[in-house]
Amino acid sequence: MPAKSKAQQMAAGAALSAKHGDKKVGDLKGASKSMYKSMSEQELHDMASTKQKGKPAHASK
């Protein structure tokens, strides 16, 4: 599933980095920590690889 905002795409990238072992899990905060726990590596990869062009900074509610 593609990211709906730049912030969501970056949070998925941080969570994916932690899944790969490049970043400490303890360094994750907020949405990235939640994504790390609840999403598979493939789901995170799909979301993190979304292009940022044309996406809003934050998703509207």
PDB file of N, CA and C in Angstrom:
ATOM      1  N   MET A   1       0.841  -1.168   0.000  1.00  0.00           N
ATOM      2  CA  MET A   1       0.000   0.000   0.000  1.00  0.00           C
ATOM      3  C   MET A   1       0.887   1.233   0.000  1.00  0.00           C
ATOM      4  N   PRO A   2       0.614   2.183  -0.864  1.00  0.00           N
ATOM      5  CA  PRO A   2       1.459   3.377  -0.953  1.00  0.00           C
ATOM      6  C   PRO A   2       1.204   4.347   0.193  1.00  0.00           C
ATOM      7  N   ALA A   3       2.225   5.116   0.517  1.00  0.00           N
ATOM      8  CA  ALA A   3       2.099   6.125   1.562  1.00  0.00           C
ATOM      9  C   ALA A   3       1.207   7.256   1.078  1.00  0.00           C
ATOM     10  N   LYS A   4       0.461   7.862   1.999  1.00  0.00           N
ATOM     11  CA  LYS A   4      -0.445   8.951   1.645  1.00  0.00           C
ATOM     12  C   LYS A   4       0.188  10.316   1.867  1.00  0.00           C
ATOM     13  N   SER A   5       1.340  10.362   2.547  1.00  0.00           N
ATOM     14  CA  SER A   5       2.014  11.635   2.796  1.00  0.00           C
ATOM     15  C   SER A   5       3.519  11.408   2.907  1.00  0.00           C
ATOM     16  N   LYS A   6       4.258  12.516   2.836  1.00  0.00           N
ATOM     17  CA  LYS A   6       5.712  12.438   2.984  1.00  0.00           C
ATOM     18  C   LYS A   6       6.089  11.941   4.374  1.00  0.00           C
ATOM     19  N   ALA A   7       5.358  12.399   5.391  1.00  0.00           N
ATOM     20  CA  ALA A   7       5.649  11.994   6.765  1.00  0.00           C
ATOM     21  C   ALA A   7       5.455  10.485   6.947  1.00  0.00           C
ATOM     22  N   GLN A   8       4.400   9.955   6.352  1.00  0.00           N
ATOM     23  CA  GLN A   8       4.128   8.516   6.454  1.00  0.00           C
ATOM     24  C   GLN A   8       5.213   7.718   5.732  1.00  0.00           C
ATOM     25  N   GLN A   9       5.662   8.205   4.595  1.00  0.00           N
ATOM     26  CA  GLN A   9       6.703   7.529   3.822  1.00  0.00           C
ATOM     27  C   GLN A   9       8.013   7.520   4.600  1.00  0.00           C
ATOM     28  N   MET A  10       8.341   8.625   5.248  1.00  0.00           N
ATOM     29  CA  MET A  10       9.587   8.701   6.021  1.00  0.00           C
ATOM     30  C   MET A  10       9.522   7.839   7.273  1.00  0.00           C
ATOM     31  N   ALA A  11       8.363   7.765   7.908  1.00  0.00           N
ATOM     32  CA  ALA A  11       8.200   6.915   9.094  1.00  0.00           C
ATOM     33  C   ALA A  11       8.369   5.448   8.705  1.00  0.00           C
ATOM     34  N   ALA A  12       7.813   5.074   7.556  1.00  0.00           N
ATOM     35  CA  ALA A  12       7.961   3.693   7.078  1.00  0.00           C
ATOM     36  C   ALA A  12       9.419   3.391   6.771  1.00  0.00           C
ATOM     37  N   GLY A  13      10.135   4.350   6.233  1.00  0.00           N
ATOM     38  CA  GLY A  13      11.563   4.175   5.947  1.00  0.00           C
ATOM     39  C   GLY A  13      12.369   3.960   7.217  1.00  0.00           C
ATOM     40  N   ALA A  14      12.036   4.710   8.261  1.00  0.00           N
ATOM     41  CA  ALA A  14      12.735   4.555   9.542  1.00  0.00           C
ATOM     42  C   ALA A  14      12.452   3.185  10.148  1.00  0.00           C
ATOM     43  N   ALA A  15      11.199   2.738  10.072  1.00  0.00           N
ATOM     44  CA  ALA A  15      10.833   1.431  10.612  1.00  0.00           C
ATOM     45  C   ALA A  15      11.512   0.313   9.826  1.00  0.00           C
ATOM     46  N   LEU A  16      11.586   0.476   8.518  1.00  0.00           N
ATOM     47  CA  LEU A  16      12.241  -0.524   7.680  1.00  0.00           C
ATOM     48  C   LEU A  16      13.732  -0.590   7.998  1.00  0.00           C
ATOM     49  N   SER A  17      14.338   0.547   8.236  1.00  0.00           N
ATOM     50  CA  SER A  17      15.750   0.597   8.604  1.00  0.00           C
ATOM     51  C   SER A  17      15.999  -0.174   9.900  1.00  0.00           C
ATOM     52  N   ALA A  18      15.089  -0.044  10.846  1.00  0.00           N
ATOM     53  CA  ALA A  18      15.207  -0.780  12.108  1.00  0.00           C
ATOM     54  C   ALA A  18      15.017  -2.279  11.887  1.00  0.00           C
ATOM     55  N   LYS A  19      14.097  -2.653  10.998  1.00  0.00           N
ATOM     56  CA  LYS A  19      13.891  -4.077  10.692  1.00  0.00           C
ATOM     57  C   LYS A  19      15.156  -4.689  10.090  1.00  0.00           C
ATOM     58  N   HIS A  20      15.878  -3.895   9.287  1.00  0.00           N
ATOM     59  CA  HIS A  20      17.112  -4.384   8.669  1.00  0.00           C
ATOM     60  C   HIS A  20      18.283  -4.394   9.632  1.00  0.00           C
ATOM     61  N   GLY A  21      18.129  -3.729  10.779  1.00  0.00           N
ATOM     62  CA  GLY A  21      19.204  -3.686  11.764  1.00  0.00           C
ATOM     63  C   GLY A  21      20.136  -2.507  11.593  1.00  0.00           C
ATOM     64  N   ASP A  22      19.804  -1.592  10.684  1.00  0.00           N
ATOM     65  CA  ASP A  22      20.643  -0.415  10.461  1.00  0.00           C
ATOM     66  C   ASP A  22      20.412   0.652  11.515  1.00  0.00           C
ATOM     67  N   LYS A  23      19.284   0.594  12.195  1.00  0.00           N
ATOM     68  CA  LYS A  23      18.905   1.592  13.190  1.00  0.00           C
ATOM     69  C   LYS A  23      18.403   0.847  14.422  1.00  0.00           C
ATOM     70  N   LYS A  24      18.621   1.413  15.602  1.00  0.00           N
ATOM     71  CA  LYS A  24      18.162   0.777  16.831  1.00  0.00           C
ATOM     72  C   LYS A  24      16.654   0.947  16.984  1.00  0.00           C
ATOM     73  N   VAL A  25      15.975  -0.095  17.413  1.00  0.00           N
ATOM     74  CA  VAL A  25      14.530  -0.047  17.620  1.00  0.00           C
ATOM     75  C   VAL A  25      14.197   0.982  18.698  1.00  0.00           C
ATOM     76  N   GLY A  26      15.048   1.127  19.678  1.00  0.00           N
ATOM     77  CA  GLY A  26      14.828   2.087  20.752  1.00  0.00           C
ATOM     78  C   GLY A  26      14.863   3.536  20.294  1.00  0.00           C
ATOM     79  N   ASP A  27      15.444   3.787  19.126  1.00  0.00           N
ATOM     80  CA  ASP A  27      15.495   5.144  18.588  1.00  0.00           C
ATOM     81  C   ASP A  27      14.203   5.543  17.891  1.00  0.00           C
ATOM     82  N   LEU A  28      13.339   4.564  17.598  1.00  0.00           N
ATOM     83  CA  LEU A  28      12.081   4.857  16.908  1.00  0.00           C
ATOM     84  C   LEU A  28      11.091   5.516  17.855  1.00  0.00           C
ATOM     85  N   LYS A  29      10.289   6.430  17.310  1.00  0.00           N
ATOM     86  CA  LYS A  29       9.269   7.118  18.101  1.00  0.00           C
ATOM     87  C   LYS A  29       7.984   7.213  17.283  1.00  0.00           C
ATOM     88  N   GLY A  30       6.877   7.308  17.964  1.00  0.00           N
ATOM     89  CA  GLY A  30       5.591   7.582  17.326  1.00  0.00           C
ATOM     90  C   GLY A  30       5.182   6.582  16.271  1.00  0.00           C
ATOM     91  N   ALA A  31       4.866   7.109  15.091  1.00  0.00           N
ATOM     92  CA  ALA A  31       4.328   6.284  14.012  1.00  0.00           C
ATOM     93  C   ALA A  31       5.314   5.216  13.538  1.00  0.00           C
ATOM     94  N   SER A  32       6.604   5.563  13.487  1.00  0.00           N
ATOM     95  CA  SER A  32       7.588   4.588  13.015  1.00  0.00           C
ATOM     96  C   SER A  32       7.692   3.401  13.965  1.00  0.00           C
ATOM     97  N   LYS A  33       7.570   3.647  15.267  1.00  0.00           N
ATOM     98  CA  LYS A  33       7.616   2.560  16.252  1.00  0.00           C
ATOM     99  C   LYS A  33       6.389   1.663  16.105  1.00  0.00           C
ATOM    100  N   SER A  34       5.239   2.277  15.890  1.00  0.00           N
ATOM    101  CA  SER A  34       4.004   1.529  15.695  1.00  0.00           C
ATOM    102  C   SER A  34       4.071   0.694  14.412  1.00  0.00           C
ATOM    103  N   MET A  35       4.600   1.289  13.352  1.00  0.00           N
ATOM    104  CA  MET A  35       4.743   0.578  12.078  1.00  0.00           C
ATOM    105  C   MET A  35       5.699  -0.602  12.224  1.00  0.00           C
ATOM    106  N   TYR A  36       6.785  -0.405  12.956  1.00  0.00           N
ATOM    107  CA  TYR A  36       7.769  -1.464  13.168  1.00  0.00           C
ATOM    108  C   TYR A  36       7.117  -2.694  13.782  1.00  0.00           C
ATOM    109  N   LYS A  37       6.249  -2.457  14.761  1.00  0.00           N
ATOM    110  CA  LYS A  37       5.606  -3.550  15.482  1.00  0.00           C
ATOM    111  C   LYS A  37       4.496  -4.230  14.678  1.00  0.00           C
ATOM    112  N   SER A  38       3.772  -3.458  13.884  1.00  0.00           N
ATOM    113  CA  SER A  38       2.550  -3.990  13.277  1.00  0.00           C
ATOM    114  C   SER A  38       2.657  -4.382  11.810  1.00  0.00           C
ATOM    115  N   MET A  39       3.713  -3.980  11.114  1.00  0.00           N
ATOM    116  CA  MET A  39       3.794  -4.231   9.677  1.00  0.00           C
ATOM    117  C   MET A  39       4.946  -5.178   9.334  1.00  0.00           C
ATOM    118  N   SER A  40       4.754  -5.929   8.251  1.00  0.00           N
ATOM    119  CA  SER A  40       5.807  -6.823   7.780  1.00  0.00           C
ATOM    120  C   SER A  40       6.865  -6.016   7.032  1.00  0.00           C
ATOM    121  N   GLU A  41       8.007  -6.628   6.796  1.00  0.00           N
ATOM    122  CA  GLU A  41       9.087  -5.969   6.079  1.00  0.00           C
ATOM    123  C   GLU A  41       8.655  -5.600   4.664  1.00  0.00           C
ATOM    124  N   GLN A  42       7.880  -6.460   4.008  1.00  0.00           N
ATOM    125  CA  GLN A  42       7.410  -6.177   2.655  1.00  0.00           C
ATOM    126  C   GLN A  42       6.443  -4.996   2.632  1.00  0.00           C
ATOM    127  N   GLU A  43       5.540  -4.924   3.611  1.00  0.00           N
ATOM    128  CA  GLU A  43       4.601  -3.800   3.688  1.00  0.00           C
ATOM    129  C   GLU A  43       5.351  -2.484   3.904  1.00  0.00           C
ATOM    130  N   LEU A  44       6.352  -2.520   4.783  1.00  0.00           N
ATOM    131  CA  LEU A  44       7.153  -1.327   5.034  1.00  0.00           C
ATOM    132  C   LEU A  44       7.919  -0.911   3.784  1.00  0.00           C
ATOM    133  N   HIS A  45       8.454  -1.878   3.070  1.00  0.00           N
ATOM    134  CA  HIS A  45       9.190  -1.584   1.838  1.00  0.00           C
ATOM    135  C   HIS A  45       8.275  -0.933   0.812  1.00  0.00           C
ATOM    136  N   ASP A  46       7.080  -1.460   0.645  1.00  0.00           N
ATOM    137  CA  ASP A  46       6.131  -0.889  -0.314  1.00  0.00           C
ATOM    138  C   ASP A  46       5.774   0.546   0.045  1.00  0.00           C
ATOM    139  N   MET A  47       5.583   0.813   1.329  1.00  0.00           N
ATOM    140  CA  MET A  47       5.211   2.155   1.766  1.00  0.00           C
ATOM    141  C   MET A  47       6.404   3.107   1.676  1.00  0.00           C
ATOM    142  N   ALA A  48       7.567   2.642   2.041  1.00  0.00           N
ATOM    143  CA  ALA A  48       8.755   3.491   2.037  1.00  0.00           C
ATOM    144  C   ALA A  48       9.221   3.825   0.620  1.00  0.00           C
ATOM    145  N   SER A  49       8.925   2.971  -0.330  1.00  0.00           N
ATOM    146  CA  SER A  49       9.380   3.205  -1.702  1.00  0.00           C
ATOM    147  C   SER A  49       8.431   4.083  -2.504  1.00  0.00           C
ATOM    148  N   THR A  50       7.368   4.574  -1.882  1.00  0.00           N
ATOM    149  CA  THR A  50       6.427   5.480  -2.537  1.00  0.00           C
ATOM    150  C   THR A  50       7.131   6.786  -2.892  1.00  0.00           C
ATOM    151  N   LYS A  51       6.896   7.292  -4.075  1.00  0.00           N
ATOM    152  CA  LYS A  51       7.467   8.574  -4.487  1.00  0.00           C
ATOM    153  C   LYS A  51       6.853   9.702  -3.661  1.00  0.00           C
ATOM    154  N   GLN A  52       7.661  10.682  -3.283  1.00  0.00           N
ATOM    155  CA  GLN A  52       7.179  11.803  -2.480  1.00  0.00           C
ATOM    156  C   GLN A  52       6.586  12.921  -3.331  1.00  0.00           C
ATOM    157  N   LYS A  53       6.921  12.970  -4.616  1.00  0.00           N
ATOM    158  CA  LYS A  53       6.465  14.063  -5.467  1.00  0.00           C
ATOM    159  C   LYS A  53       4.936  14.115  -5.512  1.00  0.00           C
ATOM    160  N   GLY A  54       4.406  15.269  -5.214  1.00  0.00           N
ATOM    161  CA  GLY A  54       2.958  15.469  -5.242  1.00  0.00           C
ATOM    162  C   GLY A  54       2.230  15.070  -3.969  1.00  0.00           C
ATOM    163  N   LYS A  55       2.950  14.540  -2.999  1.00  0.00           N
ATOM    164  CA  LYS A  55       2.325  14.131  -1.731  1.00  0.00           C
ATOM    165  C   LYS A  55       2.324  15.322  -0.767  1.00  0.00           C
ATOM    166  N   PRO A  56       1.283  15.437   0.053  1.00  0.00           N
ATOM    167  CA  PRO A  56       1.293  16.490   1.072  1.00  0.00           C
ATOM    168  C   PRO A  56       2.290  16.141   2.169  1.00  0.00           C
ATOM    169  N   ALA A  57       2.715  17.137   2.934  1.00  0.00           N
ATOM    170  CA  ALA A  57       3.656  16.900   4.025  1.00  0.00           C
ATOM    171  C   ALA A  57       3.053  15.972   5.051  1.00  0.00           C
ATOM    172  N   HIS A  58       1.781  16.183   5.372  1.00  0.00           N
ATOM    173  CA  HIS A  58       1.058  15.339   6.325  1.00  0.00           C
ATOM    174  C   HIS A  58      -0.309  15.019   5.748  1.00  0.00           C
ATOM    175  N   ALA A  59      -0.799  13.829   6.015  1.00  0.00           N
ATOM    176  CA  ALA A  59      -2.118  13.427   5.528  1.00  0.00           C
ATOM    177  C   ALA A  59      -3.188  14.167   6.312  1.00  0.00           C
ATOM    178  N   SER A  60      -4.210  14.633   5.610  1.00  0.00           N
ATOM    179  CA  SER A  60      -5.313  15.299   6.307  1.00  0.00           C
ATOM    180  C   SER A  60      -6.252  14.257   6.873  1.00  0.00           C
ATOM    181  N   LYS A  61      -6.942  14.609   7.949  1.00  0.00           N
ATOM    182  CA  LYS A  61      -7.816  13.659   8.626  1.00  0.00           C
ATOM    183  C   LYS A  61      -9.178  13.603   8.010  1.00  0.00           C
TER     184      LYS A  61
END
